[in-house]
Every structure is written in C-alpha cells, then in structure tokens.
N, C-alpha and C. Protein backbone atom coordinates (compact mmCIF):
# COMPACT_ATOMS: atom_id res chain seq x y z
N MET A 1 -21.16 4.76 -14.97
CA MET A 1 -20.68 4.02 -15.47
C MET A 1 -21.65 2.45 -16.08
N ASN A 2 -21.25 2.13 -17.16
CA ASN A 2 -21.76 0.62 -17.28
C ASN A 2 -20.84 -0.43 -16.72
N PHE A 3 -20.91 -2.24 -16.80
CA PHE A 3 -20.36 -2.77 -16.67
C PHE A 3 -18.81 -2.81 -16.86
N ASN A 4 -19.25 -2.93 -18.57
CA ASN A 4 -18.23 -3.04 -19.64
C ASN A 4 -17.06 -2.22 -19.74
N GLU A 5 -17.68 -0.36 -18.87
CA GLU A 5 -16.29 0.23 -18.44
C GLU A 5 -16.34 -0.21 -17.30
N LEU A 6 -16.88 -0.50 -16.53
CA LEU A 6 -16.09 -0.55 -15.36
C LEU A 6 -15.08 -1.82 -15.76
N GLU A 7 -15.21 -2.70 -16.15
CA GLU A 7 -14.03 -3.84 -16.53
C GLU A 7 -13.30 -3.69 -17.05
N THR A 8 -13.41 -2.68 -18.59
CA THR A 8 -11.74 -1.84 -19.20
C THR A 8 -11.25 -1.47 -18.19
N LEU A 9 -11.62 -0.29 -17.21
CA LEU A 9 -11.02 0.19 -16.27
C LEU A 9 -10.03 -0.28 -14.95
N ILE A 10 -10.65 -1.45 -14.56
CA ILE A 10 -10.53 -2.44 -13.92
C ILE A 10 -8.99 -3.35 -14.80
N LYS A 11 -8.98 -4.13 -15.86
CA LYS A 11 -8.33 -4.76 -16.80
C LYS A 11 -7.38 -3.59 -17.33
N SER A 12 -7.69 -2.72 -17.60
CA SER A 12 -6.72 -1.55 -17.79
C SER A 12 -5.09 -1.11 -17.22
N ARG A 13 -5.86 -0.66 -16.16
CA ARG A 13 -4.46 -0.31 -14.79
C ARG A 13 -3.55 -0.83 -14.59
N ARG A 14 -2.46 -0.71 -14.82
CA ARG A 14 -1.21 -1.47 -14.28
C ARG A 14 -0.24 -0.25 -13.17
N SER A 15 0.95 -1.03 -12.78
CA SER A 15 1.81 -1.00 -12.06
C SER A 15 2.23 0.10 -12.68
N ILE A 16 2.91 1.34 -12.84
CA ILE A 16 3.65 3.04 -13.22
C ILE A 16 4.78 2.89 -12.18
N ARG A 17 6.71 2.93 -13.18
CA ARG A 17 6.69 3.23 -12.15
C ARG A 17 7.75 4.16 -12.84
N VAL A 18 7.44 5.14 -13.71
CA VAL A 18 8.21 5.28 -14.93
C VAL A 18 6.80 6.84 -14.77
N TRP A 19 7.38 7.65 -14.40
CA TRP A 19 6.92 9.40 -14.41
C TRP A 19 7.00 9.84 -15.73
N GLU A 20 6.46 11.28 -16.08
CA GLU A 20 6.41 12.38 -16.52
C GLU A 20 7.03 13.70 -16.13
N LYS A 21 8.36 14.06 -16.70
CA LYS A 21 8.73 14.91 -15.44
C LYS A 21 7.35 16.11 -15.39
N LYS A 22 6.59 16.17 -14.84
CA LYS A 22 4.95 16.84 -14.71
C LYS A 22 4.24 17.03 -13.76
N ALA A 23 4.21 18.21 -13.05
CA ALA A 23 2.99 18.36 -11.94
C ALA A 23 1.45 18.01 -11.69
N VAL A 24 1.56 17.56 -11.15
CA VAL A 24 0.07 16.63 -10.64
C VAL A 24 -0.47 17.53 -9.84
N PRO A 25 -1.70 18.53 -10.71
CA PRO A 25 -2.62 19.41 -9.59
C PRO A 25 -3.54 19.03 -8.43
N GLU A 26 -2.71 19.66 -7.51
CA GLU A 26 -3.11 18.79 -6.04
C GLU A 26 -4.64 18.68 -6.02
N SER A 27 -5.61 19.59 -6.89
CA SER A 27 -7.34 19.26 -6.76
C SER A 27 -7.44 17.97 -7.30
N LEU A 28 -6.79 17.20 -7.92
CA LEU A 28 -6.65 15.53 -8.80
C LEU A 28 -6.39 14.68 -7.43
N LEU A 29 -5.50 15.01 -6.72
CA LEU A 29 -5.04 14.05 -5.60
C LEU A 29 -6.48 14.23 -4.43
N THR A 30 -6.37 15.82 -4.15
CA THR A 30 -7.86 15.47 -3.03
C THR A 30 -8.56 14.77 -3.25
N GLN A 31 -9.18 15.47 -4.48
CA GLN A 31 -10.63 14.28 -5.51
C GLN A 31 -9.90 12.88 -5.13
N ALA A 32 -9.15 12.50 -5.33
CA ALA A 32 -8.89 10.65 -5.31
C ALA A 32 -8.76 10.55 -3.93
N ILE A 33 -8.00 11.48 -3.33
CA ILE A 33 -8.36 10.55 -1.49
C ILE A 33 -9.43 11.00 -1.11
N GLU A 34 -10.15 12.03 -1.66
CA GLU A 34 -11.66 11.83 -1.05
C GLU A 34 -12.51 10.47 -1.52
N LEU A 35 -12.93 10.14 -2.55
CA LEU A 35 -13.19 8.98 -3.24
C LEU A 35 -12.69 7.95 -2.56
N ALA A 36 -11.37 7.85 -2.10
CA ALA A 36 -10.72 6.44 -1.84
C ALA A 36 -11.67 6.58 -0.25
N THR A 37 -11.61 7.61 0.22
CA THR A 37 -12.38 7.29 2.07
C THR A 37 -13.72 6.80 1.94
N TYR A 38 -14.62 6.59 1.33
CA TYR A 38 -15.61 6.12 0.58
C TYR A 38 -15.52 4.55 1.07
N ALA A 39 -14.45 3.96 0.78
CA ALA A 39 -13.66 2.35 0.60
C ALA A 39 -14.80 2.02 2.30
N PRO A 40 -15.09 0.30 1.90
CA PRO A 40 -15.59 -0.15 3.49
C PRO A 40 -13.99 -0.67 4.48
N ASN A 41 -14.38 -0.50 5.72
CA ASN A 41 -13.18 -0.55 6.93
C ASN A 41 -13.98 -0.49 8.17
N ALA A 42 -13.34 -1.41 8.41
CA ALA A 42 -13.58 -2.20 9.89
C ALA A 42 -14.43 -1.20 10.81
N GLY A 43 -15.53 -0.94 11.77
CA GLY A 43 -16.25 -0.20 11.96
C GLY A 43 -17.04 1.13 12.00
N ASN A 44 -15.97 1.50 10.36
CA ASN A 44 -15.91 2.77 10.61
C ASN A 44 -15.46 3.69 11.58
N GLN A 45 -14.08 2.79 11.57
CA GLN A 45 -13.43 3.78 12.01
C GLN A 45 -12.49 4.70 11.09
N GLN A 46 -12.47 4.29 9.49
CA GLN A 46 -11.77 5.41 8.73
C GLN A 46 -10.35 5.50 9.69
N ASN A 47 -9.91 4.64 9.44
CA ASN A 47 -7.86 4.48 10.49
C ASN A 47 -7.49 4.55 9.38
N TRP A 48 -7.61 5.16 8.32
CA TRP A 48 -6.13 5.79 7.51
C TRP A 48 -5.81 7.36 7.10
N HIS A 49 -4.35 7.31 6.97
CA HIS A 49 -4.31 8.87 6.84
C HIS A 49 -3.43 8.90 5.79
N PHE A 50 -3.25 9.82 4.83
CA PHE A 50 -2.78 9.48 3.63
C PHE A 50 -1.61 11.05 3.25
N TYR A 51 -0.22 11.08 3.79
CA TYR A 51 0.13 12.19 3.17
C TYR A 51 0.83 12.08 2.37
N VAL A 52 0.46 13.41 1.39
CA VAL A 52 1.15 14.03 -0.03
C VAL A 52 2.18 14.32 -0.12
N ILE A 53 2.82 14.36 -0.63
CA ILE A 53 4.31 14.68 -0.72
C ILE A 53 4.18 15.11 -1.87
N THR A 54 5.01 16.16 -2.32
CA THR A 54 4.72 16.68 -3.31
C THR A 54 6.51 17.56 -3.58
N ASN A 55 7.04 17.61 -2.60
CA ASN A 55 8.96 18.56 -2.38
C ASN A 55 9.50 17.75 -2.94
N PRO A 56 10.39 17.56 -3.72
CA PRO A 56 11.33 17.01 -4.66
C PRO A 56 12.54 16.37 -3.23
N LYS A 57 12.23 17.03 -2.58
CA LYS A 57 14.30 17.33 -1.45
C LYS A 57 13.26 15.59 -0.60
N THR A 58 11.79 15.88 0.20
CA THR A 58 11.34 15.20 1.10
C THR A 58 11.24 13.99 0.30
N ILE A 59 10.84 13.33 -1.25
CA ILE A 59 10.67 12.27 -1.77
C ILE A 59 12.29 11.66 -1.72
N THR A 60 13.25 12.20 -1.70
CA THR A 60 14.49 11.86 -2.23
C THR A 60 15.30 11.81 -0.72
N ALA A 61 14.84 12.04 0.14
CA ALA A 61 14.94 11.69 1.65
C ALA A 61 14.36 10.32 1.94
N ILE A 62 12.94 10.64 2.03
CA ILE A 62 12.84 9.19 1.77
C ILE A 62 13.42 7.89 1.14
N ALA A 63 13.50 8.27 -0.25
CA ALA A 63 14.18 7.17 -1.06
C ALA A 63 15.61 6.73 -0.25
N ASP A 64 16.01 7.91 0.23
CA ASP A 64 17.69 7.86 0.69
C ASP A 64 17.51 6.61 1.75
N GLY A 65 16.76 6.61 2.46
CA GLY A 65 16.21 5.97 3.68
C GLY A 65 15.96 4.56 2.99
N VAL A 66 15.07 4.68 2.23
CA VAL A 66 14.66 2.90 1.85
C VAL A 66 16.07 2.76 1.34
N GLN A 67 17.08 3.61 0.41
CA GLN A 67 17.85 2.85 0.19
C GLN A 67 18.80 2.74 1.13
N GLN A 68 19.28 3.22 1.97
CA GLN A 68 20.11 2.75 3.10
C GLN A 68 20.20 1.05 4.11
N SER A 69 18.20 1.09 4.07
CA SER A 69 18.46 -0.09 4.08
C SER A 69 17.97 -1.05 3.39
N ALA A 70 17.83 -0.86 1.94
CA ALA A 70 17.88 -1.98 0.98
C ALA A 70 19.28 -2.75 0.77
N ASP A 71 20.82 -1.67 0.79
CA ASP A 71 22.12 -1.56 0.55
C ASP A 71 22.48 -2.63 2.06
N ALA A 72 21.99 -2.02 3.22
CA ALA A 72 22.41 -3.19 4.09
C ALA A 72 22.31 -4.47 3.72
N MET A 73 20.71 -4.63 3.59
CA MET A 73 20.31 -5.74 3.22
C MET A 73 21.17 -7.13 2.39
N ALA A 74 21.44 -6.49 1.26
CA ALA A 74 22.68 -6.91 -0.42
C ALA A 74 23.18 -7.20 0.62
N SER A 75 23.68 -6.87 1.13
CA SER A 75 25.25 -7.22 2.35
C SER A 75 25.40 -8.64 2.64
N TRP A 76 23.99 -9.26 2.85
CA TRP A 76 23.81 -10.48 4.06
C TRP A 76 23.85 -11.55 3.07
N PRO A 77 23.97 -12.40 2.83
CA PRO A 77 24.99 -13.04 2.71
C PRO A 77 23.19 -14.45 2.19
N GLU A 78 22.13 -14.44 2.93
CA GLU A 78 21.22 -14.60 2.40
C GLU A 78 20.16 -14.21 1.10
N VAL A 79 20.50 -13.04 1.01
CA VAL A 79 20.52 -12.50 -0.39
C VAL A 79 21.38 -13.08 -1.26
N ASP A 80 22.56 -13.84 -1.61
CA ASP A 80 22.95 -14.19 -2.51
C ASP A 80 22.69 -15.94 -2.77
N LYS A 81 21.88 -16.55 -1.66
CA LYS A 81 21.28 -18.04 -1.25
C LYS A 81 19.93 -17.72 -2.38
N LEU A 82 19.30 -16.46 -2.31
CA LEU A 82 17.73 -16.34 -3.00
C LEU A 82 18.16 -16.17 -4.73
N GLY A 83 18.82 -15.81 -4.69
CA GLY A 83 19.59 -15.58 -6.43
C GLY A 83 19.13 -14.05 -6.33
N GLU A 84 19.27 -14.03 -8.12
CA GLU A 84 18.46 -12.61 -9.09
C GLU A 84 17.06 -12.28 -8.27
N ALA A 85 16.12 -12.76 -7.80
CA ALA A 85 15.07 -12.37 -7.59
C ALA A 85 15.32 -11.56 -6.31
N ALA A 86 15.69 -12.33 -5.21
CA ALA A 86 15.90 -11.21 -4.14
C ALA A 86 16.87 -9.61 -4.27
N LYS A 87 17.57 -9.88 -5.35
CA LYS A 87 18.42 -8.85 -5.55
C LYS A 87 17.71 -7.62 -6.47
N ALA A 88 16.76 -8.10 -7.58
CA ALA A 88 16.14 -7.34 -7.95
C ALA A 88 15.27 -6.25 -6.98
N GLY A 89 14.55 -7.40 -6.25
CA GLY A 89 13.49 -6.54 -5.44
C GLY A 89 14.19 -5.34 -4.33
N LEU A 90 15.20 -5.90 -4.16
CA LEU A 90 16.04 -4.58 -3.30
C LEU A 90 16.28 -3.28 -3.98
N LYS A 91 16.48 -3.64 -5.49
CA LYS A 91 16.72 -2.64 -6.26
C LYS A 91 15.90 -1.33 -6.99
N ARG A 92 14.37 -2.63 -7.01
CA ARG A 92 13.51 -1.39 -6.95
C ARG A 92 12.87 -1.13 -5.23
N SER A 93 13.51 -1.08 -4.72
CA SER A 93 12.84 -0.94 -3.21
C SER A 93 12.79 0.92 -3.11
N SER A 94 13.72 1.36 -3.92
CA SER A 94 13.67 2.83 -3.97
C SER A 94 13.69 3.83 -5.35
N SER A 95 12.94 2.61 -6.34
CA SER A 95 12.22 3.24 -7.65
C SER A 95 11.31 4.66 -7.31
N PHE A 96 11.05 5.00 -6.24
CA PHE A 96 9.81 5.83 -6.11
C PHE A 96 10.89 6.70 -6.51
N ARG A 97 11.96 7.72 -6.58
CA ARG A 97 12.64 8.48 -5.92
C ARG A 97 12.21 9.80 -6.75
N ASN A 98 12.08 8.92 -8.23
CA ASN A 98 11.82 10.33 -9.24
C ASN A 98 10.27 11.06 -9.85
N ALA A 99 9.46 10.21 -8.75
CA ALA A 99 7.87 10.02 -9.08
C ALA A 99 7.47 11.93 -8.87
N PRO A 100 6.46 12.42 -9.03
CA PRO A 100 6.32 13.42 -8.80
C PRO A 100 5.25 14.02 -7.86
N VAL A 101 5.12 12.91 -7.47
CA VAL A 101 3.85 12.93 -6.06
C VAL A 101 4.42 11.57 -5.49
N LEU A 102 4.65 11.65 -3.91
CA LEU A 102 4.23 10.51 -3.05
C LEU A 102 3.37 10.25 -1.90
N ILE A 103 2.60 9.16 -2.09
CA ILE A 103 1.32 9.41 -0.70
C ILE A 103 1.81 8.15 0.50
N ALA A 104 2.78 8.68 0.77
CA ALA A 104 2.42 7.77 2.08
C ALA A 104 1.41 7.36 2.84
N VAL A 105 0.73 5.79 2.89
CA VAL A 105 -0.40 6.14 3.93
C VAL A 105 -0.20 5.32 5.18
N ALA A 106 -0.99 5.77 6.21
CA ALA A 106 -0.79 5.32 7.32
C ALA A 106 -1.98 4.74 7.87
N ALA A 107 -1.52 3.43 8.96
CA ALA A 107 -3.14 3.60 9.51
C ALA A 107 -2.90 3.33 10.86
N SER A 108 -3.48 3.75 11.44
CA SER A 108 -4.02 3.96 13.05
C SER A 108 -4.19 2.99 13.17
N GLN A 109 -4.49 2.80 15.03
CA GLN A 109 -5.02 1.19 15.65
C GLN A 109 -6.17 0.78 15.36
N TYR A 110 -6.38 -0.60 15.80
CA TYR A 110 -8.55 -0.65 15.95
C TYR A 110 -8.05 -1.33 16.27
N SER A 111 -9.64 -1.16 17.22
CA SER A 111 -9.43 -2.75 17.86
C SER A 111 -10.73 -2.66 18.39
N SER A 112 -11.85 -3.58 17.95
CA SER A 112 -13.34 -3.69 18.00
C SER A 112 -13.23 -4.26 19.19
N PRO A 113 -15.04 -4.03 19.74
CA PRO A 113 -15.10 -4.33 20.91
C PRO A 113 -14.83 -5.96 21.08
N VAL A 114 -15.04 -6.95 19.98
CA VAL A 114 -15.13 -7.96 20.23
C VAL A 114 -13.77 -9.00 21.09
N GLU A 115 -12.55 -7.83 19.75
CA GLU A 115 -11.58 -8.20 19.98
C GLU A 115 -11.20 -7.54 21.51
N GLN A 116 -11.27 -6.52 22.14
CA GLN A 116 -10.69 -6.33 23.29
C GLN A 116 -11.68 -7.45 24.75
N VAL A 117 -12.44 -7.72 24.01
CA VAL A 117 -13.33 -8.87 25.13
C VAL A 117 -12.16 -9.85 24.45
N MET A 118 -12.30 -10.15 23.74
CA MET A 118 -11.26 -11.33 23.37
C MET A 118 -9.53 -11.78 24.27
N ALA A 119 -9.19 -10.62 24.28
CA ALA A 119 -8.27 -10.38 24.95
C ALA A 119 -8.15 -10.26 26.19
N LEU A 120 -9.02 -10.65 27.08
CA LEU A 120 -9.34 -9.89 28.45
C LEU A 120 -9.45 -11.91 28.66
N ARG A 121 -10.53 -12.43 27.80
CA ARG A 121 -10.71 -13.29 28.50
C ARG A 121 -9.89 -14.95 27.98
N GLU A 122 -8.51 -14.36 26.29
CA GLU A 122 -7.89 -15.51 26.58
C GLU A 122 -6.82 -15.77 27.48
N LYS A 123 -7.05 -14.54 28.41
CA LYS A 123 -5.79 -14.98 29.97
C LYS A 123 -6.22 -16.33 30.75
N VAL A 124 -7.68 -16.81 30.70
CA VAL A 124 -8.30 -17.94 31.28
C VAL A 124 -8.27 -18.85 30.71
N ASP A 125 -9.19 -18.95 29.00
CA ASP A 125 -9.27 -19.84 28.13
C ASP A 125 -8.85 -19.34 26.82
N PRO A 126 -8.18 -20.18 26.76
CA PRO A 126 -7.09 -21.18 25.92
C PRO A 126 -8.27 -21.04 24.20
N GLN A 127 -9.21 -21.25 24.32
CA GLN A 127 -9.94 -21.12 23.53
C GLN A 127 -10.16 -19.40 22.85
N ALA A 128 -10.05 -18.95 23.28
CA ALA A 128 -10.73 -17.62 23.79
C ALA A 128 -9.63 -16.91 22.55
N LYS A 129 -8.38 -17.60 23.34
CA LYS A 129 -6.80 -16.76 22.72
C LYS A 129 -6.17 -17.46 21.28
N SER A 130 -7.10 -18.85 21.08
CA SER A 130 -7.23 -19.51 19.05
C SER A 130 -7.55 -18.42 18.66
N MET A 131 -9.05 -17.84 18.93
CA MET A 131 -10.13 -17.40 18.22
C MET A 131 -9.85 -15.72 18.00
N ARG A 132 -9.09 -15.18 18.87
CA ARG A 132 -8.40 -14.05 19.05
C ARG A 132 -6.95 -14.24 17.88
N GLU A 133 -5.97 -15.22 17.88
CA GLU A 133 -5.44 -15.44 16.86
C GLU A 133 -5.76 -15.55 15.70
N TRP A 134 -7.10 -16.77 15.28
CA TRP A 134 -7.40 -16.59 14.40
C TRP A 134 -7.45 -15.04 13.41
N ARG A 135 -8.55 -14.00 14.02
CA ARG A 135 -9.27 -12.80 14.42
C ARG A 135 -8.19 -12.22 13.05
N GLY A 136 -6.72 -12.04 13.91
CA GLY A 136 -5.44 -11.36 14.17
C GLY A 136 -4.95 -11.82 12.34
N ILE A 137 -4.98 -12.55 11.91
CA ILE A 137 -4.71 -13.15 10.39
C ILE A 137 -6.04 -12.36 9.58
N ALA A 138 -6.64 -11.85 9.66
CA ALA A 138 -7.12 -10.84 9.09
C ALA A 138 -7.43 -9.86 9.35
N ASN A 139 -6.35 -8.64 9.62
CA ASN A 139 -5.89 -7.54 10.51
C ASN A 139 -7.14 -6.74 9.79
N SER A 140 -7.56 -6.27 10.62
CA SER A 140 -8.91 -5.54 10.41
C SER A 140 -7.99 -4.09 9.86
N LYS A 141 -6.93 -3.18 10.77
CA LYS A 141 -6.44 -2.36 10.48
C LYS A 141 -5.49 -2.15 9.15
N ILE A 142 -5.41 -3.57 8.55
CA ILE A 142 -4.45 -3.48 7.42
C ILE A 142 -5.79 -3.48 6.52
N GLN A 143 -6.82 -4.33 6.89
CA GLN A 143 -7.40 -5.05 5.13
C GLN A 143 -8.44 -3.34 5.11
N SER A 144 -8.97 -2.55 6.25
CA SER A 144 -9.12 -1.38 5.91
C SER A 144 -8.64 -0.58 5.29
N VAL A 145 -7.18 -0.34 5.46
CA VAL A 145 -6.80 0.41 4.52
C VAL A 145 -6.16 -0.10 3.18
N SER A 146 -6.09 -1.30 2.92
CA SER A 146 -5.74 -1.74 1.97
C SER A 146 -6.99 -1.27 1.04
N SER A 147 -8.52 -1.54 1.55
CA SER A 147 -8.84 -1.23 0.63
C SER A 147 -8.98 -0.50 -0.31
N ALA A 148 -9.47 1.09 0.83
CA ALA A 148 -8.95 2.31 0.44
C ALA A 148 -7.88 2.45 -0.27
N ILE A 149 -6.61 1.82 -0.64
CA ILE A 149 -5.99 2.03 -1.65
C ILE A 149 -6.14 1.00 -2.66
N ALA A 150 -6.94 -0.08 -2.88
CA ALA A 150 -7.33 -0.35 -3.99
C ALA A 150 -8.36 0.48 -4.47
N TYR A 151 -9.11 1.30 -4.08
CA TYR A 151 -9.63 1.84 -5.13
C TYR A 151 -9.35 3.19 -5.56
N LEU A 152 -8.24 3.43 -4.33
CA LEU A 152 -6.87 4.66 -4.55
C LEU A 152 -6.28 4.72 -6.28
N LEU A 153 -6.37 3.50 -6.52
CA LEU A 153 -5.47 3.16 -7.63
C LEU A 153 -6.36 3.20 -8.88
N LEU A 154 -7.33 2.59 -8.95
CA LEU A 154 -8.54 2.48 -9.52
C LEU A 154 -9.12 3.93 -10.22
N ILE A 155 -9.12 5.05 -9.32
CA ILE A 155 -9.09 6.43 -9.23
C ILE A 155 -8.71 6.87 -9.89
N LEU A 156 -7.32 6.94 -9.20
CA LEU A 156 -6.40 7.81 -9.88
C LEU A 156 -5.98 7.06 -11.70
N HIS A 157 -6.33 5.76 -11.82
CA HIS A 157 -5.94 5.49 -13.19
C HIS A 157 -6.90 6.20 -14.07
N GLN A 158 -8.36 6.11 -13.51
CA GLN A 158 -9.42 6.85 -14.65
C GLN A 158 -9.28 8.22 -14.91
N MET A 159 -8.37 9.05 -13.63
CA MET A 159 -7.55 10.76 -14.10
C MET A 159 -6.35 10.59 -15.04
N GLY A 160 -6.05 9.37 -15.12
CA GLY A 160 -4.91 9.51 -16.31
C GLY A 160 -3.79 9.51 -15.74
N LEU A 161 -4.05 9.00 -14.54
CA LEU A 161 -3.24 8.99 -14.04
C LEU A 161 -2.31 7.90 -12.98
N GLY A 162 -0.65 7.60 -12.85
CA GLY A 162 -0.54 5.95 -13.04
C GLY A 162 0.57 6.01 -11.29
N ALA A 163 0.28 5.19 -10.75
CA ALA A 163 0.49 4.66 -9.69
C ALA A 163 1.04 2.99 -9.29
N VAL A 164 1.65 3.27 -8.32
CA VAL A 164 1.99 1.86 -7.64
C VAL A 164 1.81 1.84 -6.17
N TRP A 165 1.61 0.70 -5.84
CA TRP A 165 0.87 -0.07 -4.66
C TRP A 165 2.91 -0.19 -4.27
N MET A 166 3.41 0.09 -3.08
CA MET A 166 4.32 -0.29 -2.78
C MET A 166 4.96 -0.72 -1.56
N THR A 167 5.17 -1.83 -0.92
CA THR A 167 5.14 -2.18 0.37
C THR A 167 6.09 -2.65 0.44
N GLY A 168 7.26 -3.08 -0.23
CA GLY A 168 8.74 -3.43 0.03
C GLY A 168 9.68 -2.10 1.13
N PRO A 169 8.97 -0.80 0.61
CA PRO A 169 9.57 0.02 1.38
C PRO A 169 9.48 0.05 2.93
N ILE A 170 8.87 -0.36 3.37
CA ILE A 170 8.09 -0.32 5.08
C ILE A 170 9.65 -0.96 6.06
N GLN A 171 10.54 -1.90 5.05
CA GLN A 171 11.54 -2.17 5.21
C GLN A 171 12.32 -1.15 6.45
N ALA A 172 12.25 0.10 5.39
CA ALA A 172 12.52 1.11 5.99
C ALA A 172 11.64 1.73 6.89
N LYS A 173 10.65 1.82 7.83
CA LYS A 173 9.81 2.53 8.15
C LYS A 173 9.90 3.52 8.96
N GLY A 174 11.17 3.46 10.49
CA GLY A 174 11.75 3.80 11.09
C GLY A 174 12.00 5.32 10.50
N ALA A 175 12.92 5.31 9.08
CA ALA A 175 13.56 6.44 8.28
C ALA A 175 12.25 7.53 8.00
N ILE A 176 11.11 6.58 7.22
CA ILE A 176 9.99 7.02 6.77
C ILE A 176 9.63 8.13 7.62
N GLU A 177 9.03 7.50 8.54
CA GLU A 177 8.80 8.00 9.43
C GLU A 177 8.46 8.84 10.09
N LYS A 178 10.37 9.30 10.55
CA LYS A 178 10.99 10.09 11.20
C LYS A 178 10.88 11.82 10.37
N VAL A 179 11.31 11.12 8.53
CA VAL A 179 11.07 12.39 7.44
C VAL A 179 9.96 12.83 7.37
N ILE A 180 8.33 12.16 7.69
CA ILE A 180 7.16 12.72 7.49
C ILE A 180 6.73 13.37 8.48
N LYS A 181 6.79 13.31 9.78
CA LYS A 181 6.87 13.33 11.43
C LYS A 181 5.08 12.17 11.20
N VAL A 182 5.31 10.82 11.59
CA VAL A 182 4.22 10.45 11.86
C VAL A 182 3.86 10.16 13.35
N PRO A 183 3.19 10.29 13.49
CA PRO A 183 2.61 10.68 15.15
C PRO A 183 3.06 9.20 15.55
N GLU A 184 2.80 8.88 16.75
CA GLU A 184 2.56 7.47 17.87
C GLU A 184 1.01 7.26 17.93
N GLY A 185 1.58 5.98 17.59
CA GLY A 185 -0.36 5.46 17.24
C GLY A 185 -0.13 5.13 16.23
N SER A 186 0.38 5.38 14.77
CA SER A 186 0.07 5.64 14.00
C SER A 186 1.29 4.75 13.01
N ASP A 187 1.00 4.24 12.01
CA ASP A 187 1.78 3.50 11.62
C ASP A 187 2.04 3.29 9.69
N ILE A 188 2.93 3.45 8.90
CA ILE A 188 3.27 4.11 7.33
C ILE A 188 3.26 2.72 7.48
N VAL A 189 2.16 1.61 6.50
CA VAL A 189 1.87 0.68 5.71
C VAL A 189 2.41 0.74 4.29
N ALA A 190 2.45 1.61 3.28
CA ALA A 190 2.81 1.83 2.04
C ALA A 190 2.47 3.13 1.60
N LEU A 191 3.67 2.56 0.55
CA LEU A 191 3.98 4.32 -0.08
C LEU A 191 3.91 4.02 -1.97
N ILE A 192 2.35 5.07 -2.29
CA ILE A 192 2.05 5.24 -3.51
C ILE A 192 2.33 6.18 -4.12
N PRO A 193 3.59 6.13 -5.25
CA PRO A 193 4.43 6.92 -6.23
C PRO A 193 3.02 6.85 -6.80
N VAL A 194 2.98 8.42 -7.45
CA VAL A 194 2.16 8.79 -8.49
C VAL A 194 2.43 9.88 -8.92
N GLY A 195 1.96 9.52 -10.32
CA GLY A 195 2.79 10.86 -11.66
C GLY A 195 1.49 10.79 -12.87
N TYR A 196 2.16 11.75 -14.28
CA TYR A 196 1.74 11.00 -15.26
C TYR A 196 2.19 9.78 -15.85
N PRO A 197 1.63 8.55 -16.21
CA PRO A 197 2.38 7.01 -16.34
C PRO A 197 3.78 7.82 -18.26
N ALA A 198 4.23 7.54 -17.85
CA ALA A 198 5.07 7.42 -19.04
C ALA A 198 5.93 5.80 -19.91
N GLU A 199 5.14 5.23 -19.22
CA GLU A 199 5.16 3.72 -20.01
C GLU A 199 4.11 2.91 -19.87
N LYS A 200 3.84 2.10 -20.61
CA LYS A 200 2.76 1.46 -20.85
C LYS A 200 3.10 -0.29 -20.49
N PRO A 201 3.46 -1.01 -19.61
CA PRO A 201 3.64 -2.29 -19.63
C PRO A 201 2.61 -3.03 -19.29
N PRO A 202 3.29 -4.80 -20.31
CA PRO A 202 1.84 -5.04 -20.59
C PRO A 202 1.19 -5.98 -19.36
N MET A 203 -0.06 -6.35 -20.30
CA MET A 203 -1.06 -6.63 -18.94
C MET A 203 -0.09 -8.35 -19.11
N LYS A 204 0.16 -8.79 -17.17
CA LYS A 204 0.42 -10.28 -16.75
C LYS A 204 -1.02 -11.26 -16.67
N ASP A 205 -0.28 -12.60 -16.95
CA ASP A 205 -1.17 -13.56 -16.95
C ASP A 205 -1.80 -13.22 -15.56
N ARG A 206 -2.56 -13.16 -15.43
CA ARG A 206 -3.94 -14.16 -14.47
C ARG A 206 -4.27 -15.16 -14.92
N LYS A 207 -4.29 -15.64 -13.28
CA LYS A 207 -5.22 -16.99 -12.88
C LYS A 207 -6.49 -17.32 -13.20
N ALA A 208 -6.70 -18.73 -13.98
CA ALA A 208 -7.86 -18.65 -14.48
C ALA A 208 -8.93 -18.90 -13.42
N VAL A 209 -10.07 -18.54 -13.61
CA VAL A 209 -11.44 -17.41 -12.69
C VAL A 209 -11.71 -18.99 -11.61
N ASN A 210 -11.55 -20.63 -12.73
CA ASN A 210 -12.22 -21.23 -11.65
C ASN A 210 -10.44 -22.45 -11.16
N LEU A 211 -9.96 -21.26 -11.51
CA LEU A 211 -8.45 -22.31 -10.04
C LEU A 211 -8.68 -21.10 -9.06
N VAL A 212 -8.99 -20.09 -8.92
CA VAL A 212 -9.10 -19.33 -7.96
C VAL A 212 -10.29 -18.80 -7.15
N CYS A 213 -11.69 -19.79 -7.77
CA CYS A 213 -12.92 -19.69 -7.32
C CYS A 213 -13.80 -20.84 -6.82
N GLU A 214 -13.89 -21.24 -6.13
CA GLU A 214 -15.32 -22.35 -5.97
C GLU A 214 -15.80 -22.00 -5.51
N PHE A 215 -17.85 -22.80 -6.09
CA PHE A 215 -18.45 -22.72 -5.32
C PHE A 215 -18.96 -23.72 -4.71
N MET A 216 -19.58 -23.72 -3.27
CA MET A 216 -19.85 -24.76 -2.42
C MET A 216 -21.05 -24.85 -2.59
N LYS A 217 -21.81 -26.38 -2.98
CA LYS A 217 -23.27 -26.20 -2.71
C LYS A 217 -23.72 -27.25 -2.36
C-alpha cells in the first residue's frame, strides 16, 4: 500500500450505523482483531479483550440494558435544559440493536512500575501526588485500547465492513458486563457494532491542519 492508498483508506472511512441483514464471516472478524492487536500499547501489556457477539438475542439484551439507562436519563430535568443535542444522543445510545455483530472491547488494569513508585511516594510528597495525577490524565489503560480500536476500524473498512466507535452505551456498563459476564478486574470501555454498510454518510468537515498543529522552533 502506497501513501495515496493509505490516505484514501483513512479519509474514506465513515461511522456506519445502518447495516445490511447479512452475516459477517467469523474469519474476517478474527483476522481484523488479530491485526488490531499489533497496535502500540503501554508496556506491551496488551491489556485488551474483544468480545465478539453475533447472537441477536445477546445484542438485543445489551441494547435493552443501554436503552433502560437512556430512558432513565431522559426523565432528568437537566436533559431539557441542554436541549435537542442531549436528547438525540440518548436516542442513538442503543442504535446498535440491529447490527449483525457487536464487539465489546474491554480493558484490564495497567499500572507501570513508575506509577507504583509514585503511588507510594505521594503519601509523603505533594509533588509526587501532582505528578501521578498528571500521568492519570493520559490514562495508559484507555490509550492502549483506543489505539487498537483505531486500527480495528480501519481494518474493518478495508475489508468492506462498516463500524462505529461507541462510548455512550458505557453509561450502562453494569448491565453490559452482566450480559457478557466480564470478569472482575476488566472493564468494558467501548462497543463497536459491525456489518456490511447500508448507508454512505457524507464526509464531515475537518479542522484545517494549521488550526490543530503547531511547529515549535
């Protein structure tokens, strides 16, 4: 793959929320996830786990759990204060209900030796406490799994599949983990519905690179 092909792949990927009623071969999903696990990750801990769900009843059970949480939130007066944007977000939270495949991505705990040293030191050193808090902003656990998800989305797109990265449903984390029996010490951090796309969303405007990039000389 040359640079132009890579550029086209990246720029043509879209978040897909409507899929054909067509099964996705397990071999493609396995291949995609295997390649995604070559993503960079903190300490090479590879602290990710992918639950690939193809049973419609299980997907429905997860969607029902997410919808229950969305319905509860919709009754809050704060939602009315924030207007239609908040309401639209709640409506989309279980939009994966009809996806042929749902990949629930989990992250296990990760703590580097340096972070462990800081945790001990901060008991007697305020500076160590600040340093640990700053490192916490750049959460290694989430960054590692996110890099794998970014790879996965591009790989699925290259395979002709459509997917969307969803974190909103994690408002129902407890219900999701109960359905798929996630063990203690691991957390579901994202849902990735997958299928053959039945829509072609337009490209959304991107900020000009000069607005998001600054060369320091």
